[in-house]
Structures are given as structure tokens and as C-alpha cells.
Amino acid sequence: MLNSKQRSYLRGLANRISPIFQIGKGGLEENLIKQVEDALTARELIKISVLANSDIDAFEAMDIICSKLKCDGVQVIGNKIIIYKRNKKNQKIELPE
């Protein structure tokens, strides 16, 4: 679980990154979940865009992804999701206490 200081720090880092995945009318397929997991392992912090033609909204998408991958949802702004998962072997982001 992230505290508010850590969440705020990650939001600041996420301002500089672009969405690397889009969730469309296909929804959250297993292939997309696997790709998100691989990206979280490599980057720790990613941004995902939920398209208007998607069957689910950004909050639902974040809940599903976070429950399947055991990661932390940082923020939802409009149709953008920010997700964080610490890489235990190769940590890239040092969170404040």
C-alpha cells in the first residue's frame, strides 16, 4: 500500500510519461494483462489510456488490473490510469518514506 506522500511523488513522475497501452472495445484481454505485467516489471510506473469505445471505464480497468497483478493504482485522471508495482529485483524508483 502506498501512503499519500508516495502517491503524490509517483503522480509527479507520471506527468512526464506518455500512455504506453490503450484499452479499447476489446477490453482487458489476457494478452494485454500480460503485456502490462511485463511493462511494470521493466518500468515500475506506467500510464494507460482507456478509449471512449471501451466497455469499461478507467476506474473499473484500474481495479481489474490491480487485483490481477497485485499492483498499486496511483491515480485516475479522466481516461488515463497510472499504475505502480515495485520491482523487488531491480528497483528503479526510490519512494519517499
N, C-alpha and C. Protein backbone atom coordinates (compact mmCIF):
# COMPACT_ATOMS: atom_id res chain seq x y z
N MET A 1 0.83 -1.19 0.00
CA MET A 1 0.00 0.00 0.00
C MET A 1 0.87 1.25 0.00
N LEU A 2 0.44 2.19 -0.77
CA LEU A 2 1.14 3.47 -0.87
C LEU A 2 0.51 4.48 0.08
N ASN A 3 1.35 5.28 0.73
CA ASN A 3 0.79 6.36 1.53
C ASN A 3 0.63 7.60 0.65
N SER A 4 0.07 8.65 1.18
CA SER A 4 -0.26 9.83 0.35
C SER A 4 1.00 10.53 -0.17
N LYS A 5 2.07 10.52 0.60
CA LYS A 5 3.31 11.15 0.16
C LYS A 5 3.91 10.39 -1.03
N GLN A 6 3.90 9.06 -0.95
CA GLN A 6 4.40 8.23 -2.05
C GLN A 6 3.54 8.38 -3.29
N ARG A 7 2.23 8.39 -3.10
CA ARG A 7 1.30 8.55 -4.22
C ARG A 7 1.52 9.89 -4.92
N SER A 8 1.72 10.93 -4.14
CA SER A 8 1.98 12.26 -4.70
C SER A 8 3.29 12.28 -5.49
N TYR A 9 4.31 11.64 -4.96
CA TYR A 9 5.60 11.56 -5.64
C TYR A 9 5.46 10.83 -6.98
N LEU A 10 4.72 9.73 -6.99
CA LEU A 10 4.53 8.96 -8.22
C LEU A 10 3.69 9.74 -9.24
N ARG A 11 2.71 10.50 -8.77
CA ARG A 11 1.93 11.34 -9.69
C ARG A 11 2.83 12.36 -10.38
N GLY A 12 3.77 12.92 -9.64
CA GLY A 12 4.71 13.86 -10.22
C GLY A 12 5.59 13.21 -11.28
N LEU A 13 6.05 12.00 -11.02
CA LEU A 13 6.85 11.28 -12.00
C LEU A 13 6.03 10.93 -13.24
N ALA A 14 4.77 10.61 -13.04
CA ALA A 14 3.91 10.19 -14.14
C ALA A 14 3.55 11.34 -15.07
N ASN A 15 3.71 12.58 -14.63
CA ASN A 15 3.41 13.72 -15.50
C ASN A 15 4.27 13.70 -16.76
N ARG A 16 5.47 13.16 -16.65
CA ARG A 16 6.42 13.19 -17.76
C ARG A 16 6.31 12.00 -18.70
N ILE A 17 5.50 11.01 -18.36
CA ILE A 17 5.42 9.83 -19.22
C ILE A 17 4.12 9.82 -20.02
N SER A 18 4.19 9.16 -21.16
CA SER A 18 3.02 9.02 -22.03
C SER A 18 2.38 7.66 -21.84
N PRO A 19 1.09 7.52 -22.15
CA PRO A 19 0.45 6.20 -22.06
C PRO A 19 1.12 5.22 -23.02
N ILE A 20 1.39 4.02 -22.53
CA ILE A 20 2.02 3.01 -23.39
C ILE A 20 1.04 1.93 -23.83
N PHE A 21 -0.14 1.91 -23.23
CA PHE A 21 -1.19 0.96 -23.63
C PHE A 21 -2.51 1.69 -23.77
N GLN A 22 -3.39 1.12 -24.61
CA GLN A 22 -4.74 1.64 -24.76
C GLN A 22 -5.71 0.49 -24.56
N ILE A 23 -6.75 0.74 -23.80
CA ILE A 23 -7.81 -0.24 -23.60
C ILE A 23 -8.98 0.21 -24.46
N GLY A 24 -9.36 -0.62 -25.41
CA GLY A 24 -10.42 -0.27 -26.34
C GLY A 24 -11.62 -1.18 -26.18
N LYS A 25 -12.32 -1.39 -27.29
CA LYS A 25 -13.55 -2.19 -27.23
C LYS A 25 -13.29 -3.65 -26.91
N GLY A 26 -12.06 -4.11 -27.10
CA GLY A 26 -11.71 -5.48 -26.74
C GLY A 26 -11.64 -5.70 -25.24
N GLY A 27 -11.54 -4.61 -24.49
CA GLY A 27 -11.49 -4.70 -23.04
C GLY A 27 -10.14 -5.19 -22.54
N LEU A 28 -10.16 -5.81 -21.38
CA LEU A 28 -8.94 -6.30 -20.75
C LEU A 28 -8.75 -7.78 -21.06
N GLU A 29 -8.10 -8.07 -22.15
CA GLU A 29 -7.83 -9.46 -22.52
C GLU A 29 -6.57 -9.92 -21.79
N GLU A 30 -6.39 -11.23 -21.71
CA GLU A 30 -5.25 -11.80 -21.01
C GLU A 30 -3.92 -11.36 -21.62
N ASN A 31 -3.90 -11.20 -22.95
CA ASN A 31 -2.68 -10.75 -23.61
C ASN A 31 -2.29 -9.35 -23.15
N LEU A 32 -3.26 -8.47 -23.03
CA LEU A 32 -2.99 -7.10 -22.56
C LEU A 32 -2.51 -7.11 -21.11
N ILE A 33 -3.13 -7.93 -20.28
CA ILE A 33 -2.73 -8.04 -18.88
C ILE A 33 -1.27 -8.50 -18.78
N LYS A 34 -0.89 -9.47 -19.60
CA LYS A 34 0.49 -9.98 -19.61
C LYS A 34 1.46 -8.88 -20.05
N GLN A 35 1.09 -8.11 -21.07
CA GLN A 35 1.95 -7.02 -21.53
C GLN A 35 2.09 -5.93 -20.47
N VAL A 36 1.02 -5.63 -19.77
CA VAL A 36 1.07 -4.65 -18.68
C VAL A 36 1.99 -5.15 -17.57
N GLU A 37 1.90 -6.43 -17.25
CA GLU A 37 2.76 -7.02 -16.22
C GLU A 37 4.24 -6.91 -16.61
N ASP A 38 4.55 -7.21 -17.88
CA ASP A 38 5.92 -7.10 -18.36
C ASP A 38 6.42 -5.65 -18.31
N ALA A 39 5.56 -4.71 -18.68
CA ALA A 39 5.94 -3.30 -18.64
C ALA A 39 6.16 -2.82 -17.21
N LEU A 40 5.33 -3.29 -16.28
CA LEU A 40 5.51 -2.92 -14.87
C LEU A 40 6.83 -3.47 -14.33
N THR A 41 7.20 -4.66 -14.75
CA THR A 41 8.46 -5.25 -14.32
C THR A 41 9.63 -4.41 -14.83
N ALA A 42 9.54 -3.94 -16.06
CA ALA A 42 10.62 -3.18 -16.66
C ALA A 42 10.67 -1.73 -16.17
N ARG A 43 9.50 -1.10 -15.98
CA ARG A 43 9.45 0.35 -15.70
C ARG A 43 9.00 0.71 -14.31
N GLU A 44 8.23 -0.11 -13.66
CA GLU A 44 7.62 0.10 -12.34
C GLU A 44 6.44 1.07 -12.36
N LEU A 45 6.46 2.08 -13.20
CA LEU A 45 5.38 3.08 -13.26
C LEU A 45 4.95 3.24 -14.70
N ILE A 46 3.66 2.98 -14.97
CA ILE A 46 3.16 3.11 -16.34
C ILE A 46 1.85 3.89 -16.35
N LYS A 47 1.54 4.38 -17.53
CA LYS A 47 0.28 5.10 -17.75
C LYS A 47 -0.47 4.37 -18.85
N ILE A 48 -1.77 4.20 -18.66
CA ILE A 48 -2.64 3.50 -19.62
C ILE A 48 -3.80 4.41 -19.97
N SER A 49 -4.18 4.42 -21.22
CA SER A 49 -5.30 5.22 -21.69
C SER A 49 -6.50 4.30 -21.96
N VAL A 50 -7.68 4.72 -21.50
CA VAL A 50 -8.91 3.97 -21.76
C VAL A 50 -9.68 4.74 -22.83
N LEU A 51 -9.89 4.10 -23.97
CA LEU A 51 -10.56 4.76 -25.08
C LEU A 51 -12.06 4.89 -24.84
N ALA A 52 -12.69 5.82 -25.54
CA ALA A 52 -14.12 6.08 -25.36
C ALA A 52 -14.98 4.90 -25.78
N ASN A 53 -14.51 4.08 -26.72
CA ASN A 53 -15.31 2.94 -27.18
C ASN A 53 -15.16 1.70 -26.30
N SER A 54 -14.45 1.82 -25.20
CA SER A 54 -14.26 0.69 -24.29
C SER A 54 -15.55 0.42 -23.51
N ASP A 55 -15.75 -0.86 -23.18
CA ASP A 55 -16.93 -1.26 -22.40
C ASP A 55 -16.80 -0.92 -20.92
N ILE A 56 -15.56 -0.70 -20.46
CA ILE A 56 -15.34 -0.39 -19.05
C ILE A 56 -14.74 1.00 -18.92
N ASP A 57 -14.96 1.62 -17.77
CA ASP A 57 -14.37 2.95 -17.56
C ASP A 57 -13.00 2.80 -16.90
N ALA A 58 -12.33 3.91 -16.69
CA ALA A 58 -10.96 3.90 -16.18
C ALA A 58 -10.88 3.33 -14.76
N PHE A 59 -11.86 3.64 -13.92
CA PHE A 59 -11.84 3.12 -12.55
C PHE A 59 -11.97 1.61 -12.52
N GLU A 60 -12.89 1.07 -13.33
CA GLU A 60 -13.05 -0.38 -13.40
C GLU A 60 -11.79 -1.05 -13.94
N ALA A 61 -11.21 -0.46 -14.96
CA ALA A 61 -10.00 -1.02 -15.56
C ALA A 61 -8.87 -1.06 -14.53
N MET A 62 -8.70 0.03 -13.78
CA MET A 62 -7.65 0.06 -12.77
C MET A 62 -7.88 -0.99 -11.69
N ASP A 63 -9.13 -1.14 -11.24
CA ASP A 63 -9.44 -2.15 -10.23
C ASP A 63 -9.12 -3.55 -10.72
N ILE A 64 -9.49 -3.86 -11.95
CA ILE A 64 -9.26 -5.20 -12.50
C ILE A 64 -7.76 -5.46 -12.65
N ILE A 65 -7.04 -4.50 -13.22
CA ILE A 65 -5.60 -4.68 -13.43
C ILE A 65 -4.88 -4.83 -12.09
N CYS A 66 -5.21 -3.98 -11.14
CA CYS A 66 -4.54 -4.03 -9.83
C CYS A 66 -4.84 -5.32 -9.08
N SER A 67 -6.04 -5.83 -9.19
CA SER A 67 -6.36 -7.08 -8.50
C SER A 67 -5.67 -8.27 -9.15
N LYS A 68 -5.57 -8.27 -10.48
CA LYS A 68 -4.92 -9.40 -11.17
C LYS A 68 -3.41 -9.38 -11.01
N LEU A 69 -2.80 -8.20 -11.01
CA LEU A 69 -1.34 -8.10 -10.98
C LEU A 69 -0.78 -7.74 -9.61
N LYS A 70 -1.65 -7.53 -8.64
CA LYS A 70 -1.24 -7.16 -7.28
C LYS A 70 -0.32 -5.94 -7.30
N CYS A 71 -0.78 -4.90 -7.98
CA CYS A 71 -0.03 -3.65 -8.08
C CYS A 71 -0.86 -2.54 -7.44
N ASP A 72 -0.31 -1.34 -7.39
CA ASP A 72 -0.99 -0.21 -6.77
C ASP A 72 -1.49 0.76 -7.82
N GLY A 73 -2.75 1.12 -7.73
CA GLY A 73 -3.29 2.16 -8.58
C GLY A 73 -2.94 3.51 -7.98
N VAL A 74 -2.25 4.33 -8.74
CA VAL A 74 -1.80 5.62 -8.23
C VAL A 74 -2.88 6.67 -8.42
N GLN A 75 -3.43 6.75 -9.65
CA GLN A 75 -4.39 7.81 -9.93
C GLN A 75 -5.16 7.51 -11.21
N VAL A 76 -6.37 8.02 -11.26
CA VAL A 76 -7.17 8.04 -12.49
C VAL A 76 -7.51 9.49 -12.77
N ILE A 77 -7.13 9.96 -13.95
CA ILE A 77 -7.49 11.31 -14.38
C ILE A 77 -8.19 11.16 -15.71
N GLY A 78 -9.49 11.43 -15.73
CA GLY A 78 -10.26 11.29 -16.96
C GLY A 78 -10.22 9.87 -17.48
N ASN A 79 -9.56 9.66 -18.60
CA ASN A 79 -9.47 8.32 -19.17
C ASN A 79 -8.05 7.75 -19.06
N LYS A 80 -7.23 8.31 -18.21
CA LYS A 80 -5.85 7.84 -18.01
C LYS A 80 -5.70 7.18 -16.64
N ILE A 81 -4.97 6.06 -16.64
CA ILE A 81 -4.70 5.31 -15.41
C ILE A 81 -3.20 5.32 -15.16
N ILE A 82 -2.80 5.54 -13.92
CA ILE A 82 -1.40 5.45 -13.54
C ILE A 82 -1.27 4.30 -12.55
N ILE A 83 -0.36 3.35 -12.86
CA ILE A 83 -0.20 2.15 -12.06
C ILE A 83 1.27 1.97 -11.68
N TYR A 84 1.50 1.53 -10.45
CA TYR A 84 2.85 1.31 -9.94
C TYR A 84 2.96 -0.09 -9.34
N LYS A 85 4.10 -0.73 -9.61
CA LYS A 85 4.43 -2.00 -8.96
C LYS A 85 5.93 -2.05 -8.76
N ARG A 86 6.35 -2.18 -7.52
CA ARG A 86 7.78 -2.20 -7.20
C ARG A 86 8.42 -3.48 -7.71
N ASN A 87 9.56 -3.32 -8.35
CA ASN A 87 10.33 -4.47 -8.82
C ASN A 87 11.32 -4.82 -7.72
N LYS A 88 11.14 -5.97 -7.11
CA LYS A 88 11.97 -6.35 -5.96
C LYS A 88 13.42 -6.64 -6.35
N LYS A 89 13.64 -7.12 -7.57
CA LYS A 89 15.00 -7.47 -8.00
C LYS A 89 15.77 -6.27 -8.53
N ASN A 90 15.11 -5.38 -9.24
CA ASN A 90 15.80 -4.27 -9.89
C ASN A 90 14.97 -2.99 -9.70
N GLN A 91 14.99 -2.45 -8.49
CA GLN A 91 14.17 -1.29 -8.17
C GLN A 91 14.73 -0.04 -8.85
N LYS A 92 13.86 0.67 -9.60
CA LYS A 92 14.27 1.86 -10.33
C LYS A 92 13.79 3.14 -9.67
N ILE A 93 12.67 3.07 -8.99
CA ILE A 93 12.09 4.27 -8.37
C ILE A 93 12.24 4.14 -6.85
N GLU A 94 12.90 5.13 -6.26
CA GLU A 94 13.07 5.16 -4.81
C GLU A 94 11.96 6.01 -4.21
N LEU A 95 11.05 5.39 -3.50
CA LEU A 95 9.90 6.10 -2.92
C LEU A 95 10.28 6.78 -1.61
N PRO A 96 9.71 7.96 -1.35
CA PRO A 96 9.92 8.61 -0.05
C PRO A 96 9.19 7.83 1.05
N GLU A 97 9.66 7.97 2.27
CA GLU A 97 9.02 7.27 3.40
C GLU A 97 7.80 7.97 3.79
